[in-house]
Protein backbone atom coordinates (compact mmCIF):
# COMPACT_ATOMS: atom_id res chain seq x y z
CA MET A 1 -46.22 -16.69 27.53
CA GLU A 2 -43.32 -15.77 29.84
CA GLN A 3 -45.50 -13.05 31.94
CA LEU A 4 -48.34 -16.11 32.36
CA PRO A 5 -46.34 -17.54 35.62
CA TYR A 6 -45.76 -13.92 36.85
CA TYR A 7 -49.61 -12.85 36.41
CA LEU A 8 -50.68 -16.26 38.18
CA ILE A 9 -48.62 -16.15 41.32
CA LYS A 10 -50.23 -12.38 41.99
CA VAL A 11 -53.22 -13.84 41.42
CA SER A 12 -52.72 -16.93 43.55
CA ILE A 13 -51.56 -13.91 46.27
CA ALA A 14 -54.95 -11.70 45.90
CA THR A 15 -57.05 -14.39 45.99
CA ALA A 16 -54.76 -15.23 49.31
CA VAL A 17 -55.21 -12.71 50.94
CA PHE A 18 -59.16 -11.76 49.94
CA TYR A 19 -59.53 -15.36 51.71
CA GLY A 20 -57.97 -15.01 54.94
CA THR A 21 -59.98 -11.97 55.02
CA TYR A 22 -63.20 -13.65 55.27
CA TYR A 23 -61.78 -16.10 57.33
CA TRP A 24 -60.66 -13.90 60.13
CA LEU A 25 -63.19 -10.73 59.39
CA PHE A 26 -66.83 -12.59 58.09
CA ARG A 27 -66.57 -16.34 58.58
CA THR A 28 -68.55 -16.73 61.57
CA ARG A 29 -70.97 -13.26 60.90
CA LYS A 30 -74.81 -14.21 59.74
CA GLN A 31 -74.19 -11.30 56.96
CA PHE A 32 -74.41 -13.61 54.02
CA VAL A 33 -75.91 -11.78 51.17
CA PHE A 34 -72.67 -9.33 52.30
CA ASN A 35 -70.62 -12.80 52.61
CA ARG A 36 -71.87 -14.02 49.11
CA ILE A 37 -71.20 -10.42 47.49
CA TYR A 38 -67.94 -10.24 48.79
CA LEU A 39 -66.58 -13.83 48.16
CA ALA A 40 -67.92 -13.95 44.69
CA GLY A 41 -66.39 -10.05 43.81
CA SER A 42 -63.29 -10.72 46.00
CA PHE A 43 -62.35 -13.62 43.47
CA LEU A 44 -63.23 -12.63 39.97
CA ALA A 45 -60.86 -9.29 41.62
CA ALA A 46 -58.35 -11.43 42.20
CA PHE A 47 -58.33 -11.81 38.36
CA ILE A 48 -58.61 -8.33 37.78
CA ILE A 49 -56.29 -6.60 40.40
CA PRO A 50 -53.21 -8.00 38.49
CA LEU A 51 -54.07 -6.52 35.04
CA ILE A 52 -54.44 -2.82 36.23
CA THR A 53 -52.10 -0.51 34.46
CA PHE A 54 -50.90 2.60 36.23
CA SER A 55 -48.46 4.98 34.29
CA THR A 56 -45.91 6.13 36.72
CA THR A 57 -43.02 8.73 36.54
CA SER A 58 -39.37 7.06 37.36
CA GLN A 59 -36.08 9.11 37.42
CA LEU A 60 -32.87 7.93 35.61
CA SER A 61 -29.88 7.62 38.47
CA LYS A 62 -26.10 9.76 37.37
CA ALA A 63 -24.90 7.90 39.36
CA THR A 64 -23.98 5.26 37.06
CA ASN A 65 -21.42 3.40 35.63
CA PHE A 66 -21.62 1.27 31.89
CA LEU A 67 -19.33 -1.96 30.91
CA THR A 68 -19.84 -3.84 27.90
CA GLY A 69 -18.22 -7.76 26.74
CA ASP A 70 -14.86 -7.64 24.54
CA LEU A 71 -15.63 -5.62 21.84
CA ASP A 72 -12.84 -7.79 19.61
CA ALA A 73 -14.30 -11.06 20.42
CA ASP A 74 -17.50 -11.96 18.39
CA VAL A 75 -20.14 -11.05 20.33
CA ILE A 76 -23.08 -12.82 17.86
CA VAL A 77 -24.05 -15.87 18.72
CA SER A 78 -25.31 -18.41 15.77
CA ALA A 79 -29.41 -18.42 15.98
CA THR A 80 -29.32 -22.45 17.43
CA THR A 81 -27.08 -21.01 20.24
CA GLY A 82 -28.92 -18.14 21.65
CA ILE A 83 -32.10 -20.55 22.07
CA GLU A 84 -29.81 -23.21 23.48
CA LEU A 85 -28.39 -20.66 26.50
CA ASP A 86 -31.86 -19.88 27.61
CA SER A 87 -32.01 -23.41 29.70
CA SER A 88 -34.47 -21.58 31.81
CA ILE A 89 -37.05 -21.93 29.13
CA GLY A 90 -37.75 -25.49 29.14
CA ILE A 91 -38.55 -25.71 33.05
CA THR A 92 -41.51 -22.79 32.62
CA THR A 93 -42.38 -24.20 28.98
CA ILE A 94 -43.18 -28.05 31.16
CA LEU A 95 -44.59 -26.04 34.21
CA LEU A 96 -47.05 -24.26 31.93
CA CYS A 97 -47.66 -27.19 29.77
CA LEU A 98 -48.90 -29.25 33.29
CA TYR A 99 -51.16 -26.29 34.02
CA GLY A 100 -52.82 -25.94 31.26
CA CYS A 101 -53.27 -30.12 31.66
CA GLY A 102 -55.14 -28.95 34.91
CA VAL A 103 -57.16 -25.89 33.86
CA PHE A 104 -58.46 -27.97 30.34
CA PHE A 105 -59.32 -31.35 33.23
CA LEU A 106 -61.23 -28.74 35.23
CA LEU A 107 -63.34 -27.35 32.31
CA VAL A 108 -64.30 -30.60 30.92
CA GLU A 109 -65.37 -32.02 34.35
CA LEU A 110 -67.19 -28.37 34.72
CA ILE A 111 -68.97 -29.45 31.38
CA TYR A 112 -69.69 -32.81 32.07
CA GLY A 113 -71.30 -31.86 35.09
CA TYR A 114 -73.45 -29.95 33.26
CA ILE A 115 -74.53 -32.28 30.42
CA ALA A 116 -75.27 -34.36 32.91
CA ALA A 117 -77.77 -32.00 34.77
CA VAL A 118 -79.22 -30.83 31.82
CA GLY A 119 -80.24 -35.11 31.09
CA ILE A 120 -82.07 -35.55 34.32
CA ARG A 121 -83.71 -31.85 34.22
CA LYS A 122 -85.09 -33.25 30.70
CA SER A 123 -86.39 -36.76 31.92
CA CYS A 124 -87.52 -35.37 34.67
CA THR A 125 -91.83 -34.22 35.11
CA GLU A 126 -93.81 -30.97 36.18
CA GLN A 127 -95.60 -31.06 39.28
CA PHE A 128 -96.64 -28.87 41.53
CA ILE A 129 -96.73 -29.81 45.11
CA GLY A 130 -98.68 -26.73 47.06
CA ASP A 131 -98.12 -23.54 44.90
CA MET A 132 -94.52 -24.51 44.20
CA GLN A 133 -93.87 -25.98 40.48
CA VAL A 134 -90.61 -28.69 40.49
CA LEU A 135 -89.49 -31.31 38.08
CA VAL A 136 -89.92 -35.42 39.44
CA SER A 137 -87.03 -37.57 38.70
CA GLU A 138 -87.98 -40.89 38.06
CA GLU A 139 -84.43 -42.43 38.96
CA ASN A 140 -83.21 -40.09 41.31
CA ASN A 141 -83.98 -40.21 45.49
CA ARG A 142 -82.48 -37.00 46.11
CA ALA A 143 -83.22 -33.26 46.11
CA PHE A 144 -81.33 -30.22 44.86
CA THR A 145 -81.42 -27.22 42.59
CA PHE A 146 -80.38 -27.08 39.11
CA LEU A 147 -80.44 -23.56 37.41
CA ASP A 148 -83.53 -21.86 39.04
CA LYS A 149 -85.32 -25.56 38.86
CA ILE A 150 -85.88 -27.62 41.64
CA ILE A 151 -85.53 -31.83 41.45
CA ILE A 152 -86.67 -33.77 43.71
CA GLY A 153 -86.88 -38.11 43.48
CA LYS A 154 -90.23 -39.80 43.01
CA ASN A 155 -89.58 -41.54 46.35
CA LEU A 156 -89.37 -38.05 48.61
CA LEU A 157 -92.88 -37.16 46.91
CA ASP A 158 -94.58 -38.60 50.63
CA ASN A 159 -91.62 -37.12 52.77
CA PRO A 160 -93.31 -35.82 55.65
CA SER A 161 -90.86 -33.20 55.80
CA MET A 162 -91.01 -32.40 52.06
CA GLU A 163 -92.05 -28.78 52.71
CA MET A 164 -88.96 -27.74 54.28
CA VAL A 165 -87.16 -29.39 51.35
CA LEU A 166 -88.44 -27.50 49.17
CA ASN A 167 -88.65 -24.34 50.98
CA HIS A 168 -84.55 -24.89 51.24
CA GLU A 169 -84.21 -25.05 47.66
CA ALA A 170 -86.64 -22.55 46.51
CA VAL A 171 -84.03 -20.29 47.93
CA HIS A 172 -81.29 -21.27 46.02
CA SER A 173 -83.87 -20.97 43.25
CA ARG A 174 -85.14 -17.69 43.82
CA GLU A 175 -81.69 -15.87 44.58
CA ARG A 176 -79.71 -18.14 41.62
CA HIS A 177 -76.64 -19.45 43.80
CA PHE A 178 -76.58 -21.54 40.78
CA PHE A 179 -74.68 -18.65 39.33
CA ASP A 180 -72.01 -18.03 42.15
CA ILE A 181 -71.38 -21.85 42.14
CA LEU A 182 -70.47 -21.83 37.87
CA LEU A 183 -68.67 -18.98 38.61
CA ALA A 184 -66.72 -20.41 41.30
CA GLU A 185 -65.83 -23.46 39.66
CA LEU A 186 -64.47 -21.49 36.55
CA PHE A 187 -62.46 -19.52 38.40
CA LEU A 188 -61.41 -22.68 40.46
CA ALA A 189 -60.25 -24.08 36.87
CA PHE A 190 -57.75 -21.54 36.23
CA GLN A 191 -56.33 -21.60 40.03
CA TRP A 192 -56.23 -25.33 40.68
CA PHE A 193 -52.71 -25.56 41.89
CA ASN A 194 -53.60 -22.61 44.52
CA PRO A 195 -55.39 -24.11 47.80
CA PHE A 196 -56.53 -20.70 49.05
CA ALA A 197 -58.75 -21.37 45.56
CA TRP A 198 -60.21 -24.33 46.98
CA LEU A 199 -60.92 -23.29 50.39
CA HIS A 200 -62.30 -19.83 48.75
CA VAL A 201 -64.90 -21.87 46.51
CA GLU A 202 -65.78 -23.93 49.96
CA ALA A 203 -66.67 -20.83 51.76
CA ILE A 204 -68.77 -19.61 48.59
CA ARG A 205 -70.67 -23.15 49.14
CA ASN A 206 -71.38 -22.76 52.52
CA ASN A 207 -72.14 -19.61 52.74
CA LEU A 208 -75.07 -19.79 49.91
CA GLU A 209 -76.37 -22.84 52.30
CA PHE A 210 -76.15 -20.86 55.30
CA ARG A 211 -77.89 -17.96 53.56
CA ALA A 212 -80.98 -21.13 53.00
CA ASP A 213 -80.64 -22.40 56.08
CA ASP A 214 -80.87 -19.35 57.34
CA VAL A 215 -84.41 -18.71 55.57
CA VAL A 216 -86.47 -21.85 56.34
CA ILE A 217 -85.47 -21.51 59.98
CA GLN A 218 -87.38 -18.34 60.41
CA ALA A 219 -90.36 -19.70 59.51
CA SER A 220 -89.38 -23.22 60.73
CA ASP A 221 -88.72 -25.43 63.89
CA LYS A 222 -84.99 -25.13 64.03
CA LYS A 223 -85.09 -28.84 65.73
CA LYS A 224 -86.77 -30.46 62.80
CA TYR A 225 -86.03 -28.87 60.16
CA GLN A 226 -81.93 -30.46 61.82
CA LEU A 227 -83.42 -33.50 62.48
CA THR A 228 -84.31 -33.46 58.53
CA MET A 229 -81.15 -32.27 57.34
CA LEU A 230 -79.51 -35.57 58.95
CA GLY A 231 -82.14 -38.14 57.77
CA MET A 232 -81.63 -37.06 54.11
CA SER A 233 -77.68 -37.24 54.28
CA LEU A 234 -77.57 -40.49 52.83
CA ASN A 235 -78.60 -39.15 49.64
CA SER A 236 -75.68 -37.41 49.14
CA ILE A 237 -75.32 -35.37 45.80
CA ASP A 238 -72.09 -36.32 43.78
CA SER A 239 -71.40 -32.67 41.38
CA THR A 240 -70.16 -29.48 41.88
CA LEU A 241 -73.24 -27.78 40.05
CA TYR A 242 -75.83 -28.82 42.63
CA THR A 243 -76.99 -26.97 45.35
CA ALA A 244 -78.82 -29.17 48.08
CA LEU A 245 -80.27 -29.29 51.27
CA ASN A 246 -78.32 -32.58 51.89
CA SER A 247 -75.01 -31.61 51.10
CA SER A 248 -71.89 -31.80 52.61
CA ASN A 249 -70.22 -29.72 55.61
CA LEU A 250 -73.96 -30.85 57.80
CA LYS A 251 -71.71 -29.86 61.18
CA LYS A 252 -70.60 -26.80 59.60
CA ARG A 253 -74.15 -25.77 58.74
CA ILE A 254 -75.72 -26.95 61.99
CA VAL A 255 -73.08 -24.84 64.40
CA MET A 256 -74.15 -21.40 61.89
CA MET A 257 -77.48 -22.51 63.17
CA ASN A 258 -77.23 -23.28 66.64
CA SER A 259 -74.47 -19.92 67.07
CA ASN A 260 -75.22 -16.36 68.10
CA ASN A 261 -75.48 -13.63 65.29
CA LYS A 262 -71.99 -11.71 66.20
CA ASN A 263 -73.11 -9.15 64.18
CA GLN A 264 -71.67 -6.90 66.36
CA PHE A 265 -69.11 -3.92 64.49
CA SER A 266 -70.68 -5.06 61.64
CA LEU A 267 -70.26 -1.89 59.62
CA LEU A 268 -65.96 -1.92 60.92
CA THR A 269 -65.35 -4.97 59.77
CA ARG A 270 -67.09 -4.36 56.51
CA LEU A 271 -65.05 -1.55 56.05
CA ALA A 272 -61.83 -3.16 56.17
CA ILE A 273 -62.41 -4.35 52.99
CA ILE A 274 -60.95 -0.48 51.18
CA PRO A 275 -57.21 -0.63 53.02
CA VAL A 276 -57.18 -4.62 51.79
CA PHE A 277 -58.24 -3.40 48.12
CA ALA A 278 -56.15 -0.77 47.98
CA LEU A 279 -53.35 -2.83 49.21
CA LEU A 280 -53.14 -5.50 46.87
CA ILE A 281 -54.06 -2.93 44.18
CA ALA A 282 -50.71 -0.80 45.49
CA CYS A 283 -48.67 -4.25 45.42
CA LEU A 284 -50.06 -6.00 42.98
CA SER A 285 -51.11 -3.72 40.09
CA THR A 286 -48.79 -3.31 36.98
CA GLN A 287 -46.45 0.25 37.33
CA LYS A 288 -45.92 1.26 33.43
CA PRO A 289 -43.24 3.82 33.96
CA ALA A 290 -42.22 6.83 31.74
CA GLN A 291 -38.76 8.13 31.57
CA ILE A 292 -37.30 10.96 32.06
CA SER A 293 -33.89 11.58 31.42
CA ASP A 294 -31.51 13.48 33.98
CA ASN A 295 -29.96 15.46 30.97
CA VAL A 296 -32.86 18.20 31.77
CA SER A 297 -32.31 21.79 30.64
CA ASN A 298 -34.23 24.41 31.92
CA GLY A 299 -36.68 23.14 33.95
CA GLU A 300 -37.67 20.82 30.75
CA GLN A 301 -38.17 17.12 31.63
CA LEU A 302 -37.77 14.75 28.51
CA THR A 303 -40.45 12.16 28.81
CA GLN A 304 -39.52 8.71 26.74
CA LEU A 305 -42.71 6.40 27.19
CA SER A 306 -41.76 2.99 27.40
CA THR A 307 -44.52 2.48 24.77
CA GLY A 308 -44.12 3.22 21.09
CA LEU A 309 -40.97 3.79 19.22
CA GLN A 310 -38.35 6.77 19.66
CA GLU A 311 -37.82 8.29 16.97
CA ASN A 312 -33.93 8.99 16.61
CA PRO A 313 -31.98 11.57 13.99
CA SER A 314 -28.10 9.78 14.84
CA GLN A 315 -26.88 8.45 11.98
CA PRO A 316 -26.41 4.96 11.27
CA VAL A 317 -24.24 2.63 12.75
CA ASN A 318 -22.12 0.46 11.36
CA SER A 319 -20.57 -1.69 14.00
CA ILE A 320 -20.48 -3.35 17.20
CA GLU A 321 -18.54 -0.77 18.82
CA GLU A 322 -21.25 2.13 17.43
CA ILE A 323 -23.65 0.16 18.99
CA SER A 324 -22.00 0.15 22.54
CA LYS A 325 -20.90 3.48 22.27
CA HIS A 326 -25.11 4.32 21.96
CA PHE A 327 -25.76 2.37 25.03
CA GLN A 328 -22.71 3.64 26.80
CA LYS A 329 -24.08 7.17 26.01
CA ASN A 330 -27.68 6.89 26.92
CA LEU A 331 -28.26 3.65 29.37
CA LYS A 332 -29.06 5.10 33.28
CA TYR A 333 -29.54 3.30 36.19
CA PRO A 334 -33.29 3.76 36.84
CA LEU A 335 -33.19 5.85 40.80
CA GLU A 336 -36.92 3.73 41.45
CA ALA A 337 -34.93 0.54 40.62
CA ARG A 338 -31.86 2.34 42.41
CA SER A 339 -33.60 3.35 45.88
CA ALA A 340 -35.22 -0.36 45.91
CA HIS A 341 -31.60 -2.11 45.64
CA LEU A 342 -32.97 -3.60 43.00
CA ILE A 343 -30.11 -5.72 40.55
CA GLY A 344 -31.09 -8.14 37.72
CA THR A 345 -30.79 -9.07 34.13
CA VAL A 346 -33.46 -8.27 31.73
CA ARG A 347 -33.47 -9.38 28.14
CA ILE A 348 -34.69 -7.02 24.84
CA TYR A 349 -35.59 -7.79 21.93
CA ALA A 350 -35.78 -5.78 18.77
CA ARG A 351 -36.68 -7.01 15.35
CA VAL A 352 -35.03 -5.19 13.02
CA ASN A 353 -36.27 -4.11 8.96
CA PRO A 354 -34.18 -5.77 6.25
CA ASP A 355 -32.77 -1.81 6.08
CA GLY A 356 -31.77 -2.24 9.25
CA SER A 357 -34.56 0.38 11.07
CA ILE A 358 -36.18 -1.14 14.41
CA GLN A 359 -39.72 -2.76 13.32
CA GLU A 360 -40.83 -3.30 17.17
CA VAL A 361 -39.49 -3.78 20.22
CA LEU A 362 -40.36 -6.30 23.26
CA ASP A 363 -39.75 -7.69 26.73
CA VAL A 364 -40.78 -11.10 26.09
CA LYS A 365 -39.76 -13.52 23.95
CA PRO A 366 -40.70 -14.21 20.17
CA LYS A 367 -40.51 -17.87 19.62
CA GLU A 368 -39.08 -16.96 16.42
CA GLU A 369 -34.83 -17.73 16.05
CA PHE A 370 -32.28 -14.49 17.39
CA LEU A 371 -29.10 -13.47 17.19
CA GLU A 372 -27.49 -12.26 20.73
CA PHE A 373 -25.68 -8.93 21.44
CA ASP A 374 -22.88 -8.74 24.12
CA GLU A 375 -24.11 -8.21 27.56
CA VAL A 376 -24.15 -4.85 28.75
CA VAL A 377 -23.58 -3.92 32.21
CA ILE A 378 -24.87 -1.04 34.00
CA ILE A 379 -23.62 -0.35 37.63
CA ALA A 380 -24.84 1.96 40.04
CA TYR A 381 -22.39 3.48 43.01
CA LEU A 382 -24.23 3.77 46.84
CA ASN A 383 -23.46 5.80 48.98
CA GLU A 384 -24.47 4.39 51.87
CA GLU A 385 -21.85 4.09 54.86
CA GLY A 386 -21.62 1.73 57.78
CA LYS A 387 -24.63 -0.27 55.93
CA LYS A 388 -24.30 -3.69 54.18
CA LEU A 389 -25.41 -3.11 50.27
CA ARG A 390 -28.88 -5.97 50.40
CA LYS A 391 -29.12 -6.17 47.00
CA THR A 392 -32.70 -7.59 45.66
CA LYS A 393 -32.66 -9.72 42.24
CA SER A 394 -35.96 -8.93 39.97
CA TYR A 395 -35.90 -9.91 36.89
CA ARG A 396 -39.33 -8.49 36.10
CA HIS A 397 -39.15 -4.93 37.22
CA GLU A 398 -41.06 -2.86 34.73
CA SER A 399 -38.89 0.17 35.62
CA LEU A 400 -35.89 -1.87 34.55
CA LEU A 401 -37.57 -3.46 31.86
CA ALA A 402 -38.65 -0.02 30.36
CA GLU A 403 -35.24 1.29 30.46
CA GLY A 404 -33.74 -1.28 28.27
CA ARG A 405 -37.16 -1.05 25.89
CA ARG A 406 -36.19 2.89 25.57
CA VAL A 407 -32.38 2.94 24.78
CA VAL A 408 -33.55 0.27 22.42
CA GLU A 409 -36.14 2.20 21.04
CA MET A 410 -34.14 4.97 20.64
CA LEU A 411 -30.98 3.35 17.95
CA PRO A 412 -31.05 4.62 14.56
CA LYS A 413 -30.36 2.31 11.28
CA LEU A 414 -28.38 -0.57 11.70
CA GLU A 415 -26.66 -0.85 8.92
CA ILE A 416 -25.08 -4.45 9.81
CA PRO A 417 -25.86 -7.62 7.34
CA GLU A 418 -25.70 -9.47 10.09
CA PHE A 419 -28.62 -7.73 11.87
CA GLN A 420 -30.46 -6.48 9.34
CA GLY A 421 -34.01 -8.27 8.98
CA ASN A 422 -33.50 -10.87 11.91
CA LEU A 423 -34.80 -10.15 15.33
CA ILE A 424 -31.63 -9.47 18.15
CA GLN A 425 -31.76 -10.40 21.93
CA PHE A 426 -29.92 -7.72 24.19
CA ASN A 427 -28.95 -8.41 27.90
CA PHE A 428 -28.51 -5.46 30.17
CA LYS A 429 -27.38 -6.73 33.77
CA TYR A 430 -28.11 -4.16 36.46
CA ASP A 431 -25.64 -4.33 39.31
CA LEU A 432 -24.93 -2.15 41.91
CA ARG A 433 -22.05 -1.47 44.18
CA GLN A 434 -20.88 0.08 47.47
CA ALA A 435 -19.12 3.41 46.69
CA ILE A 436 -15.10 3.24 48.00
CA ARG A 437 -14.15 6.38 49.56
């Protein structure tokens, strides 16, 4: 659950970049089919890209000093105290509850709109107008498309512009625009806090209307069609699931119909999405580094994967001091983090079996109580003369987490009664210092 906020932030960033790309490159171009694919595909990609995981290699720094707290002091606190020390979890829980309430509200609204539309559809009677089958409603004086069905009010049957109205709705029906809208509203429910998500959904809706308008005016009089749109504007439809001739943003639609076809260099602008996708994947995807020890002999690299427990033939440890010596011997500062000037504290949780062996190692806090080990400090010294050392805090950087997991997974059996059968929290504080000469 702790990783959810970071995931949502990445999704929001991706959505903002995708919408910005559409706004600056594609918004004014009459390439409605391409825009439809891009808008729907990029909205979905924003949720997928942060889930992409790459396995990378991260070397460990040799310039590392190890510090720990006072070993003579009581380094274990009670389970209750350990829980209260993590004060930030309260804020995170509140934010997640607010987020969940927003998602729930929008999903309920979406379901309610769908049920209402189904109710309207069931109350209609089927009729043929020309060669087109439509559903006629006794109560609704409007024309719209739901799923692949065109629904019109009975009072519109004698409208002189009925042919253009039906041609517009036929485009929505034939090209299944309803599913774009449904998916957009569903994705929006999980990004309701992001203003760019709302803009993205509006862009999807507008593009579908642009597409339907463009098809109609190719076979009809443009000015007569625009007057029909204005004449029906009072019969607006208050639902997120409908597509209709008299939808909102009539001004934008009329401007688009009257604009010139600005498709010069269209292929070049379309190719621009390739570096956009590549950049987002590089920046927002998850990297799971394999830790490589700097104790390499005869060119052989010892790889410690961050997943899976490592076998360790060491003798069992019987005291807190021996655990600290284990960390002092094995902890390294990841070269990737050191080069990027990354510092921060990471929390690693080890579930210990009753016999003292490590059952599993986690980097996300479980909901159960835990015992807290004294903070372990890892310091690396940088030889950057004449430069001010600028540090960047990063509490979830994968290389720091992976190094913490690695050394905890390497722990031998813990023959310490207080630890056996309990969950232990280890705090590893990574820090950088300027080398003094």
